[in-house]
Amino acid sequence: MKYDLVVVGAGIAGLYLGRRMAREGWRVCVLDRREKIGTPVRCGEATGNRAELSRFVPIDESWIARDYGGVFMHCDGGLEIAREIPDAGLILHRDRFEQSLADDGRECGMEIRLQTAVTGLVWDQTHCRGVVIENGQNIESDYVVAADGAEGGVGRWAGITQTLAPREAFSAIQYTIHADSFDDGYLHFFVGRETIPRGY
């Protein structure tokens, strides 16, 4: 089967685009190497407020972990800076949000293939005509969208982006934790040259 659109990456961007185009009647296939939508944990739970989010999707309150109304910075040496920003935004249960986008997209005919790593692009002279997956199969489409993140390869294979130099990339880990001491309506950031150099 040939698709109108293949999206590589089933994060928020890939799922939203696939869902939107499927709603327009396009034949859409979203590919991702992960085993499950929404996991492992990825950055991006903080977003705009309800008015901003509702520009893109009808809001389901089950997605919302809490509203936040400011930012609190914890710096080396005990310096702390707080700034109130009324109705600044929301913290999402990102796994629930992504799963909802996936479910809605499937209802519109979007196909999602998990545990499917993309290893290359299919070319017809100068035009990309699809992707190659790890078993060597070609998946043909009129359009290919790279939503596979900074570590993905689609943009590089297409000649749009370049490989990051080691000094431009930083490794990270992320956990979801429960901490009542910071459940105060602020986003808390911890920074410092001594404790978290070049990061937060």
N, C-alpha and C. Protein backbone atom coordinates (compact mmCIF):
# COMPACT_ATOMS: atom_id res chain seq x y z
N MET A 1 0.84 -1.20 0.00
CA MET A 1 0.00 0.00 0.00
C MET A 1 0.87 1.24 0.00
N LYS A 2 0.51 2.20 -0.85
CA LYS A 2 1.21 3.47 -0.85
C LYS A 2 0.41 4.48 -0.04
N TYR A 3 1.13 5.26 0.77
CA TYR A 3 0.50 6.26 1.63
C TYR A 3 0.66 7.66 1.03
N ASP A 4 -0.23 8.53 1.45
CA ASP A 4 -0.05 9.94 1.11
C ASP A 4 1.05 10.55 1.97
N LEU A 5 1.15 10.09 3.23
CA LEU A 5 2.10 10.66 4.17
C LEU A 5 2.63 9.58 5.10
N VAL A 6 3.94 9.53 5.24
CA VAL A 6 4.58 8.73 6.29
C VAL A 6 5.24 9.70 7.26
N VAL A 7 4.94 9.52 8.55
CA VAL A 7 5.53 10.33 9.61
C VAL A 7 6.45 9.43 10.42
N VAL A 8 7.70 9.83 10.57
CA VAL A 8 8.66 9.07 11.36
C VAL A 8 8.75 9.72 12.73
N GLY A 9 8.23 9.03 13.74
CA GLY A 9 8.23 9.54 15.10
C GLY A 9 6.82 9.72 15.62
N ALA A 10 6.49 8.98 16.69
CA ALA A 10 5.14 9.04 17.26
C ALA A 10 5.13 9.78 18.59
N GLY A 11 5.83 10.93 18.61
CA GLY A 11 5.71 11.84 19.74
C GLY A 11 4.56 12.80 19.47
N ILE A 12 4.51 13.89 20.22
CA ILE A 12 3.41 14.84 20.08
C ILE A 12 3.34 15.41 18.67
N ALA A 13 4.47 15.84 18.11
CA ALA A 13 4.45 16.47 16.79
C ALA A 13 4.00 15.49 15.72
N GLY A 14 4.57 14.28 15.75
CA GLY A 14 4.23 13.29 14.73
C GLY A 14 2.79 12.84 14.81
N LEU A 15 2.31 12.59 16.03
CA LEU A 15 0.93 12.15 16.20
C LEU A 15 -0.06 13.24 15.84
N TYR A 16 0.26 14.48 16.23
CA TYR A 16 -0.66 15.58 15.91
C TYR A 16 -0.77 15.76 14.41
N LEU A 17 0.37 15.77 13.71
CA LEU A 17 0.33 15.94 12.26
C LEU A 17 -0.40 14.78 11.59
N GLY A 18 -0.06 13.55 11.99
CA GLY A 18 -0.71 12.40 11.39
C GLY A 18 -2.22 12.43 11.61
N ARG A 19 -2.63 12.74 12.82
CA ARG A 19 -4.06 12.84 13.15
C ARG A 19 -4.74 13.90 12.31
N ARG A 20 -4.09 15.05 12.20
CA ARG A 20 -4.71 16.15 11.45
C ARG A 20 -4.88 15.80 9.97
N MET A 21 -3.86 15.20 9.38
CA MET A 21 -3.95 14.87 7.96
C MET A 21 -4.91 13.70 7.72
N ALA A 22 -4.97 12.75 8.65
CA ALA A 22 -5.95 11.67 8.53
C ALA A 22 -7.36 12.23 8.57
N ARG A 23 -7.58 13.25 9.39
CA ARG A 23 -8.90 13.90 9.44
C ARG A 23 -9.25 14.57 8.11
N GLU A 24 -8.22 14.93 7.35
CA GLU A 24 -8.45 15.53 6.03
C GLU A 24 -8.62 14.48 4.94
N GLY A 25 -8.56 13.21 5.32
CA GLY A 25 -8.77 12.14 4.36
C GLY A 25 -7.50 11.55 3.77
N TRP A 26 -6.34 11.96 4.26
CA TRP A 26 -5.08 11.41 3.76
C TRP A 26 -4.86 10.01 4.32
N ARG A 27 -4.19 9.17 3.52
CA ARG A 27 -3.74 7.87 4.00
C ARG A 27 -2.40 8.09 4.71
N VAL A 28 -2.41 7.88 6.03
CA VAL A 28 -1.27 8.25 6.87
C VAL A 28 -0.75 7.03 7.62
N CYS A 29 0.57 6.92 7.66
CA CYS A 29 1.23 5.89 8.47
C CYS A 29 2.27 6.56 9.35
N VAL A 30 2.18 6.34 10.66
CA VAL A 30 3.13 6.87 11.63
C VAL A 30 3.99 5.72 12.13
N LEU A 31 5.31 5.90 12.06
CA LEU A 31 6.26 4.85 12.45
C LEU A 31 7.05 5.29 13.67
N ASP A 32 7.31 4.36 14.58
CA ASP A 32 8.14 4.67 15.74
C ASP A 32 8.84 3.41 16.22
N ARG A 33 10.07 3.57 16.67
CA ARG A 33 10.86 2.42 17.13
C ARG A 33 10.50 1.99 18.55
N ARG A 34 9.76 2.84 19.27
CA ARG A 34 9.39 2.50 20.64
C ARG A 34 8.33 1.40 20.68
N GLU A 35 8.18 0.81 21.87
CA GLU A 35 7.20 -0.26 22.04
C GLU A 35 5.82 0.27 22.39
N LYS A 36 5.75 1.49 22.95
CA LYS A 36 4.49 1.99 23.48
C LYS A 36 4.41 3.49 23.29
N ILE A 37 3.23 3.98 22.94
CA ILE A 37 3.00 5.42 22.83
C ILE A 37 3.14 6.06 24.20
N GLY A 38 3.87 7.19 24.25
CA GLY A 38 3.97 7.97 25.49
C GLY A 38 5.08 7.57 26.43
N THR A 39 5.75 6.46 26.19
CA THR A 39 6.86 6.06 27.03
C THR A 39 8.02 5.62 26.13
N PRO A 40 9.27 5.75 26.57
CA PRO A 40 9.68 6.27 27.87
C PRO A 40 9.40 7.76 28.02
N VAL A 41 9.56 8.25 29.23
CA VAL A 41 9.27 9.65 29.53
C VAL A 41 10.13 10.55 28.67
N ARG A 42 9.51 11.57 28.10
CA ARG A 42 10.23 12.57 27.31
C ARG A 42 9.94 13.96 27.87
N CYS A 43 10.84 14.88 27.61
CA CYS A 43 10.63 16.25 28.04
C CYS A 43 9.45 16.85 27.27
N GLY A 44 8.79 17.82 27.86
CA GLY A 44 7.74 18.52 27.13
C GLY A 44 6.40 18.53 27.82
N GLU A 45 6.37 18.23 29.14
CA GLU A 45 5.09 18.21 29.83
C GLU A 45 4.53 19.61 30.09
N ALA A 46 5.41 20.60 30.18
CA ALA A 46 4.95 21.99 30.39
C ALA A 46 4.56 22.58 29.05
N THR A 47 3.36 23.13 29.00
CA THR A 47 2.88 23.70 27.75
C THR A 47 2.11 24.98 28.04
N GLY A 48 1.53 25.57 27.00
CA GLY A 48 0.76 26.79 27.18
C GLY A 48 -0.49 26.55 28.00
N ASN A 49 -1.23 27.63 28.23
CA ASN A 49 -2.44 27.51 29.04
C ASN A 49 -3.58 26.88 28.23
N ARG A 50 -4.73 26.75 28.84
CA ARG A 50 -5.86 26.09 28.19
C ARG A 50 -6.26 26.78 26.88
N ALA A 51 -6.23 28.09 26.88
CA ALA A 51 -6.61 28.81 25.66
C ALA A 51 -5.65 28.48 24.52
N GLU A 52 -4.36 28.38 24.83
CA GLU A 52 -3.37 28.06 23.80
C GLU A 52 -3.52 26.63 23.32
N LEU A 53 -3.64 25.68 24.25
CA LEU A 53 -3.75 24.29 23.86
C LEU A 53 -5.03 24.02 23.07
N SER A 54 -6.10 24.70 23.43
CA SER A 54 -7.38 24.47 22.74
C SER A 54 -7.39 24.97 21.31
N ARG A 55 -6.37 25.74 20.90
CA ARG A 55 -6.24 26.14 19.50
C ARG A 55 -5.96 24.93 18.62
N PHE A 56 -5.41 23.87 19.22
CA PHE A 56 -4.97 22.71 18.45
C PHE A 56 -5.86 21.48 18.66
N VAL A 57 -6.29 21.27 19.89
CA VAL A 57 -7.11 20.09 20.20
C VAL A 57 -8.15 20.45 21.26
N PRO A 58 -9.31 19.81 21.21
CA PRO A 58 -10.25 19.97 22.33
C PRO A 58 -9.63 19.37 23.58
N ILE A 59 -9.68 20.09 24.68
CA ILE A 59 -8.97 19.66 25.89
C ILE A 59 -9.77 18.62 26.65
N ASP A 60 -9.07 17.58 27.06
CA ASP A 60 -9.61 16.55 27.96
C ASP A 60 -8.92 16.78 29.31
N GLU A 61 -9.69 17.03 30.35
CA GLU A 61 -9.11 17.35 31.65
C GLU A 61 -8.27 16.21 32.22
N SER A 62 -8.47 14.98 31.74
CA SER A 62 -7.66 13.87 32.24
C SER A 62 -6.20 14.00 31.81
N TRP A 63 -5.92 14.84 30.82
CA TRP A 63 -4.53 15.07 30.41
C TRP A 63 -3.79 15.98 31.38
N ILE A 64 -4.53 16.80 32.13
CA ILE A 64 -3.93 17.91 32.88
C ILE A 64 -3.48 17.45 34.26
N ALA A 65 -2.18 17.54 34.52
CA ALA A 65 -1.66 17.23 35.86
C ALA A 65 -1.92 18.41 36.79
N ARG A 66 -1.69 19.64 36.30
CA ARG A 66 -1.98 20.84 37.08
C ARG A 66 -1.73 22.08 36.24
N ASP A 67 -2.28 23.20 36.68
CA ASP A 67 -1.96 24.51 36.11
C ASP A 67 -0.73 25.05 36.84
N TYR A 68 0.04 25.89 36.17
CA TYR A 68 1.11 26.57 36.88
C TYR A 68 1.05 28.07 36.57
N GLY A 69 1.51 28.85 37.55
CA GLY A 69 1.39 30.29 37.44
C GLY A 69 2.68 31.02 37.75
N GLY A 70 3.82 30.39 37.44
CA GLY A 70 5.08 31.06 37.66
C GLY A 70 6.26 30.13 37.55
N VAL A 71 7.46 30.71 37.71
CA VAL A 71 8.71 29.96 37.59
C VAL A 71 9.56 30.23 38.83
N PHE A 72 10.17 29.18 39.35
CA PHE A 72 11.05 29.28 40.51
C PHE A 72 12.40 28.71 40.11
N MET A 73 13.45 29.51 40.20
CA MET A 73 14.81 29.08 39.84
C MET A 73 15.61 28.86 41.12
N HIS A 74 16.20 27.68 41.24
CA HIS A 74 17.08 27.35 42.35
C HIS A 74 18.51 27.30 41.80
N CYS A 75 19.37 28.19 42.30
CA CYS A 75 20.72 28.33 41.75
C CYS A 75 21.76 27.90 42.78
N ASP A 76 22.99 27.65 42.29
CA ASP A 76 24.10 27.34 43.20
C ASP A 76 24.21 28.39 44.29
N GLY A 77 24.62 27.98 45.46
CA GLY A 77 24.83 28.92 46.55
C GLY A 77 23.55 29.34 47.25
N GLY A 78 22.46 28.71 46.92
CA GLY A 78 21.21 29.01 47.62
C GLY A 78 20.40 30.15 47.03
N LEU A 79 20.89 30.79 45.97
CA LEU A 79 20.13 31.88 45.37
C LEU A 79 18.84 31.33 44.77
N GLU A 80 17.74 31.96 45.08
CA GLU A 80 16.45 31.54 44.55
C GLU A 80 15.73 32.74 43.96
N ILE A 81 15.16 32.53 42.80
CA ILE A 81 14.44 33.60 42.11
C ILE A 81 13.06 33.08 41.76
N ALA A 82 12.03 33.83 42.13
CA ALA A 82 10.66 33.45 41.82
C ALA A 82 10.00 34.54 41.00
N ARG A 83 9.21 34.11 40.01
CA ARG A 83 8.47 35.08 39.21
C ARG A 83 7.06 34.54 38.97
N GLU A 84 6.08 35.30 39.37
CA GLU A 84 4.70 34.92 39.12
C GLU A 84 4.32 35.27 37.69
N ILE A 85 3.66 34.34 37.02
CA ILE A 85 3.16 34.55 35.66
C ILE A 85 1.74 33.98 35.64
N PRO A 86 0.75 34.80 35.92
CA PRO A 86 -0.63 34.28 36.02
C PRO A 86 -1.07 33.54 34.76
N ASP A 87 -1.72 32.39 34.96
CA ASP A 87 -2.24 31.57 33.88
C ASP A 87 -1.16 31.26 32.84
N ALA A 88 0.03 30.93 33.32
CA ALA A 88 1.15 30.71 32.40
C ALA A 88 0.96 29.47 31.55
N GLY A 89 0.49 28.38 32.16
CA GLY A 89 0.39 27.17 31.36
C GLY A 89 -0.06 25.97 32.16
N LEU A 90 0.17 24.81 31.57
CA LEU A 90 -0.27 23.54 32.11
C LEU A 90 0.88 22.55 32.17
N ILE A 91 0.79 21.62 33.10
CA ILE A 91 1.65 20.44 33.10
C ILE A 91 0.79 19.29 32.62
N LEU A 92 1.21 18.63 31.56
CA LEU A 92 0.44 17.53 30.98
C LEU A 92 0.89 16.19 31.54
N HIS A 93 -0.05 15.26 31.60
CA HIS A 93 0.31 13.85 31.67
C HIS A 93 0.61 13.47 30.22
N ARG A 94 1.86 13.58 29.85
CA ARG A 94 2.18 13.46 28.44
C ARG A 94 1.81 12.09 27.87
N ASP A 95 1.97 11.03 28.67
CA ASP A 95 1.61 9.71 28.17
C ASP A 95 0.13 9.64 27.81
N ARG A 96 -0.72 10.23 28.65
CA ARG A 96 -2.17 10.24 28.36
C ARG A 96 -2.47 11.10 27.13
N PHE A 97 -1.79 12.24 27.04
CA PHE A 97 -2.02 13.15 25.92
C PHE A 97 -1.64 12.49 24.60
N GLU A 98 -0.46 11.87 24.55
CA GLU A 98 -0.02 11.22 23.31
C GLU A 98 -0.93 10.05 22.96
N GLN A 99 -1.34 9.28 23.96
CA GLN A 99 -2.23 8.15 23.68
C GLN A 99 -3.57 8.62 23.13
N SER A 100 -4.05 9.76 23.62
CA SER A 100 -5.31 10.31 23.12
C SER A 100 -5.18 10.75 21.66
N LEU A 101 -4.05 11.39 21.33
CA LEU A 101 -3.81 11.77 19.94
C LEU A 101 -3.76 10.53 19.04
N ALA A 102 -3.10 9.48 19.54
CA ALA A 102 -3.00 8.24 18.76
C ALA A 102 -4.36 7.61 18.56
N ASP A 103 -5.16 7.54 19.62
CA ASP A 103 -6.49 6.92 19.53
C ASP A 103 -7.38 7.69 18.56
N ASP A 104 -7.34 9.01 18.66
CA ASP A 104 -8.16 9.84 17.77
C ASP A 104 -7.71 9.68 16.33
N GLY A 105 -6.39 9.63 16.11
CA GLY A 105 -5.87 9.44 14.76
C GLY A 105 -6.28 8.11 14.17
N ARG A 106 -6.22 7.06 14.98
CA ARG A 106 -6.64 5.73 14.49
C ARG A 106 -8.12 5.75 14.09
N GLU A 107 -8.95 6.44 14.86
CA GLU A 107 -10.37 6.52 14.52
C GLU A 107 -10.59 7.20 13.16
N CYS A 108 -9.64 8.05 12.78
CA CYS A 108 -9.72 8.74 11.48
C CYS A 108 -9.02 7.97 10.37
N GLY A 109 -8.49 6.79 10.69
CA GLY A 109 -7.85 5.96 9.67
C GLY A 109 -6.34 5.98 9.69
N MET A 110 -5.73 6.72 10.61
CA MET A 110 -4.27 6.76 10.69
C MET A 110 -3.74 5.42 11.17
N GLU A 111 -2.72 4.90 10.50
CA GLU A 111 -2.08 3.66 10.91
C GLU A 111 -0.84 3.99 11.73
N ILE A 112 -0.64 3.28 12.82
CA ILE A 112 0.55 3.46 13.66
C ILE A 112 1.27 2.13 13.74
N ARG A 113 2.56 2.14 13.41
CA ARG A 113 3.39 0.94 13.53
C ARG A 113 4.47 1.21 14.56
N LEU A 114 4.36 0.53 15.70
CA LEU A 114 5.37 0.64 16.74
C LEU A 114 6.42 -0.45 16.54
N GLN A 115 7.53 -0.32 17.28
CA GLN A 115 8.67 -1.24 17.14
C GLN A 115 9.09 -1.36 15.68
N THR A 116 9.07 -0.23 14.99
CA THR A 116 9.43 -0.18 13.57
C THR A 116 10.47 0.91 13.37
N ALA A 117 11.72 0.52 13.32
CA ALA A 117 12.81 1.49 13.15
C ALA A 117 13.00 1.79 11.67
N VAL A 118 13.14 3.07 11.36
CA VAL A 118 13.41 3.51 9.99
C VAL A 118 14.92 3.60 9.82
N THR A 119 15.43 2.99 8.74
CA THR A 119 16.87 2.92 8.53
C THR A 119 17.35 3.69 7.30
N GLY A 120 16.43 4.22 6.51
CA GLY A 120 16.84 4.97 5.33
C GLY A 120 15.63 5.51 4.58
N LEU A 121 15.92 6.18 3.49
CA LEU A 121 14.88 6.77 2.65
C LEU A 121 14.86 6.11 1.28
N VAL A 122 13.70 6.10 0.66
CA VAL A 122 13.55 5.60 -0.71
C VAL A 122 13.59 6.80 -1.64
N TRP A 123 14.48 6.72 -2.65
CA TRP A 123 14.65 7.85 -3.57
C TRP A 123 14.24 7.47 -4.98
N ASP A 124 13.62 8.40 -5.66
CA ASP A 124 13.30 8.27 -7.08
C ASP A 124 13.98 9.45 -7.76
N GLN A 125 15.17 9.22 -8.28
CA GLN A 125 16.02 10.27 -8.83
C GLN A 125 16.28 11.31 -7.72
N THR A 126 15.67 12.47 -7.76
CA THR A 126 15.96 13.50 -6.77
C THR A 126 14.88 13.64 -5.71
N HIS A 127 13.85 12.82 -5.75
CA HIS A 127 12.73 12.98 -4.83
C HIS A 127 12.64 11.80 -3.86
N CYS A 128 12.34 12.11 -2.62
CA CYS A 128 12.11 11.06 -1.62
C CYS A 128 10.72 10.48 -1.84
N ARG A 129 10.64 9.18 -1.94
CA ARG A 129 9.38 8.50 -2.23
C ARG A 129 8.96 7.54 -1.13
N GLY A 130 9.58 7.64 0.05
CA GLY A 130 9.20 6.77 1.14
C GLY A 130 10.37 6.49 2.05
N VAL A 131 10.21 5.45 2.89
CA VAL A 131 11.25 5.11 3.86
C VAL A 131 11.55 3.61 3.78
N VAL A 132 12.72 3.26 4.30
CA VAL A 132 13.13 1.87 4.44
C VAL A 132 13.10 1.54 5.92
N ILE A 133 12.46 0.43 6.30
CA ILE A 133 12.45 0.02 7.70
C ILE A 133 13.46 -1.09 7.92
N GLU A 134 13.67 -1.44 9.19
CA GLU A 134 14.81 -2.29 9.55
C GLU A 134 14.79 -3.67 8.92
N ASN A 135 13.63 -4.19 8.53
CA ASN A 135 13.60 -5.50 7.87
C ASN A 135 13.87 -5.41 6.38
N GLY A 136 14.21 -4.21 5.89
CA GLY A 136 14.51 -4.00 4.48
C GLY A 136 13.32 -3.64 3.62
N GLN A 137 12.13 -3.64 4.21
CA GLN A 137 10.91 -3.30 3.46
C GLN A 137 10.86 -1.81 3.15
N ASN A 138 10.40 -1.48 1.94
CA ASN A 138 10.13 -0.09 1.58
C ASN A 138 8.68 0.25 1.86
N ILE A 139 8.47 1.41 2.47
CA ILE A 139 7.11 1.94 2.66
C ILE A 139 7.03 3.21 1.82
N GLU A 140 6.23 3.17 0.77
CA GLU A 140 6.18 4.28 -0.17
C GLU A 140 5.13 5.31 0.24
N SER A 141 5.44 6.56 -0.04
CA SER A 141 4.51 7.64 0.26
C SER A 141 4.85 8.86 -0.59
N ASP A 142 3.86 9.73 -0.73
CA ASP A 142 4.09 10.97 -1.47
C ASP A 142 4.92 11.95 -0.65
N TYR A 143 4.72 11.93 0.66
CA TYR A 143 5.44 12.85 1.55
C TYR A 143 5.99 12.07 2.74
N VAL A 144 7.17 12.49 3.22
CA VAL A 144 7.77 11.94 4.42
C VAL A 144 8.07 13.10 5.36
N VAL A 145 7.64 12.97 6.61
CA VAL A 145 7.91 14.00 7.61
C VAL A 145 8.79 13.40 8.70
N ALA A 146 9.87 14.11 9.03
CA ALA A 146 10.77 13.69 10.10
C ALA A 146 10.31 14.31 11.41
N ALA A 147 9.74 13.48 12.29
CA ALA A 147 9.37 13.91 13.63
C ALA A 147 10.08 13.02 14.64
N ASP A 148 11.31 12.63 14.28
CA ASP A 148 12.07 11.66 15.07
C ASP A 148 13.06 12.31 16.02
N GLY A 149 12.97 13.60 16.22
CA GLY A 149 13.77 14.26 17.24
C GLY A 149 15.21 14.54 16.84
N ALA A 150 15.92 15.15 17.77
CA ALA A 150 17.30 15.58 17.49
C ALA A 150 18.22 14.40 17.21
N GLU A 151 17.92 13.24 17.80
CA GLU A 151 18.80 12.08 17.59
C GLU A 151 18.40 11.27 16.37
N GLY A 152 17.32 11.65 15.70
CA GLY A 152 16.84 10.90 14.54
C GLY A 152 17.70 11.10 13.31
N GLY A 153 17.49 10.24 12.31
CA GLY A 153 18.32 10.29 11.12
C GLY A 153 17.66 10.80 9.87
N VAL A 154 16.33 10.95 9.86
CA VAL A 154 15.63 11.26 8.61
C VAL A 154 16.08 12.59 8.01
N GLY A 155 16.20 13.61 8.83
CA GLY A 155 16.64 14.91 8.33
C GLY A 155 18.03 14.87 7.73
N ARG A 156 18.94 14.10 8.35
CA ARG A 156 20.31 13.97 7.82
C ARG A 156 20.31 13.21 6.51
N TRP A 157 19.53 12.11 6.44
CA TRP A 157 19.50 11.33 5.21
C TRP A 157 18.93 12.14 4.05
N ALA A 158 18.06 13.09 4.36
CA ALA A 158 17.47 13.93 3.32
C ALA A 158 18.35 15.12 2.98
N GLY A 159 19.44 15.32 3.71
CA GLY A 159 20.35 16.44 3.45
C GLY A 159 19.87 17.75 4.02
N ILE A 160 18.90 17.70 4.95
CA ILE A 160 18.35 18.93 5.52
C ILE A 160 19.13 19.36 6.75
N THR A 161 19.50 18.38 7.59
CA THR A 161 20.24 18.68 8.81
C THR A 161 21.58 17.98 8.77
N GLN A 162 22.44 18.32 9.73
CA GLN A 162 23.76 17.72 9.83
C GLN A 162 23.91 17.01 11.16
N THR A 163 24.88 16.14 11.24
CA THR A 163 25.17 15.46 12.49
C THR A 163 25.68 16.46 13.51
N LEU A 164 25.17 16.36 14.74
CA LEU A 164 25.64 17.25 15.79
C LEU A 164 27.06 16.90 16.19
N ALA A 165 27.86 17.92 16.42
CA ALA A 165 29.20 17.70 16.97
C ALA A 165 29.06 17.31 18.44
N PRO A 166 30.02 16.54 18.98
CA PRO A 166 29.92 16.13 20.39
C PRO A 166 29.71 17.30 21.35
N ARG A 167 30.31 18.45 21.08
CA ARG A 167 30.16 19.59 21.97
C ARG A 167 28.76 20.20 21.91
N GLU A 168 27.98 19.83 20.87
CA GLU A 168 26.64 20.39 20.71
C GLU A 168 25.54 19.51 21.31
N ALA A 169 25.91 18.32 21.76
CA ALA A 169 24.92 17.38 22.28
C ALA A 169 25.23 17.04 23.73
N PHE A 170 24.18 16.87 24.52
CA PHE A 170 24.33 16.53 25.92
C PHE A 170 23.42 15.36 26.25
N SER A 171 23.95 14.41 26.97
CA SER A 171 23.13 13.28 27.38
C SER A 171 22.30 13.69 28.59
N ALA A 172 21.19 13.00 28.78
CA ALA A 172 20.31 13.34 29.89
C ALA A 172 19.48 12.13 30.27
N ILE A 173 18.98 12.17 31.50
CA ILE A 173 18.00 11.19 31.94
C ILE A 173 16.82 11.96 32.51
N GLN A 174 15.66 11.34 32.48
CA GLN A 174 14.48 12.00 32.99
C GLN A 174 13.64 10.99 33.74
N TYR A 175 13.13 11.42 34.89
CA TYR A 175 12.27 10.58 35.71
C TYR A 175 11.00 11.34 36.04
N THR A 176 9.93 10.62 36.23
CA THR A 176 8.72 11.19 36.81
C THR A 176 8.75 10.88 38.30
N ILE A 177 8.71 11.92 39.12
CA ILE A 177 8.76 11.73 40.57
C ILE A 177 7.61 12.49 41.22
N HIS A 178 7.28 12.08 42.42
CA HIS A 178 6.25 12.77 43.19
C HIS A 178 6.93 13.48 44.36
N ALA A 179 6.70 14.79 44.46
CA ALA A 179 7.33 15.57 45.52
C ALA A 179 6.34 16.64 45.98
N ASP A 180 5.72 16.40 47.12
CA ASP A 180 4.73 17.35 47.64
C ASP A 180 5.34 18.72 47.94
N SER A 181 6.65 18.76 48.22
CA SER A 181 7.28 20.03 48.57
C SER A 181 7.31 21.01 47.41
N PHE A 182 7.12 20.55 46.19
CA PHE A 182 7.14 21.45 45.05
C PHE A 182 5.77 21.55 44.37
N ASP A 183 4.74 21.12 45.04
CA ASP A 183 3.39 21.15 44.48
C ASP A 183 2.73 22.48 44.85
N ASP A 184 3.31 23.56 44.32
CA ASP A 184 2.88 24.90 44.74
C ASP A 184 2.45 25.78 43.56
N GLY A 185 2.31 25.20 42.37
CA GLY A 185 1.86 26.01 41.23
C GLY A 185 2.97 26.70 40.47
N TYR A 186 4.23 26.41 40.80
CA TYR A 186 5.36 26.97 40.07
C TYR A 186 6.07 25.84 39.29
N LEU A 187 6.73 26.23 38.21
CA LEU A 187 7.72 25.35 37.59
C LEU A 187 9.02 25.58 38.34
N HIS A 188 9.63 24.51 38.85
CA HIS A 188 10.89 24.62 39.59
C HIS A 188 12.03 24.13 38.72
N PHE A 189 13.01 25.01 38.52
CA PHE A 189 14.21 24.67 37.76
C PHE A 189 15.42 24.73 38.70
N PHE A 190 16.32 23.76 38.57
CA PHE A 190 17.53 23.72 39.37
C PHE A 190 18.71 23.88 38.41
N VAL A 191 19.50 24.94 38.62
CA VAL A 191 20.62 25.24 37.73
C VAL A 191 21.86 25.55 38.56
N GLY A 192 23.01 25.47 37.90
CA GLY A 192 24.23 25.85 38.59
C GLY A 192 25.47 25.31 37.93
N ARG A 193 26.49 26.12 37.86
CA ARG A 193 27.75 25.69 37.24
C ARG A 193 28.42 24.57 38.02
N GLU A 194 28.23 24.58 39.34
CA GLU A 194 28.88 23.57 40.16
C GLU A 194 28.09 22.27 40.17
N THR A 195 26.77 22.36 40.26
CA THR A 195 25.96 21.16 40.43
C THR A 195 25.44 20.59 39.12
N ILE A 196 25.06 21.45 38.17
CA ILE A 196 24.49 20.97 36.90
C ILE A 196 25.09 21.80 35.77
N PRO A 197 26.35 21.61 35.45
CA PRO A 197 26.99 22.46 34.44
C PRO A 197 26.32 22.32 33.07
N ARG A 198 26.02 23.44 32.46
CA ARG A 198 25.45 23.52 31.12
C ARG A 198 24.14 22.75 30.99
N GLY A 199 23.40 22.70 32.06
CA GLY A 199 22.13 22.00 32.02
C GLY A 199 21.19 22.50 33.09
N TYR A 200 20.11 21.77 33.30
CA TYR A 200 19.17 22.11 34.37
C TYR A 200 18.46 20.84 34.82
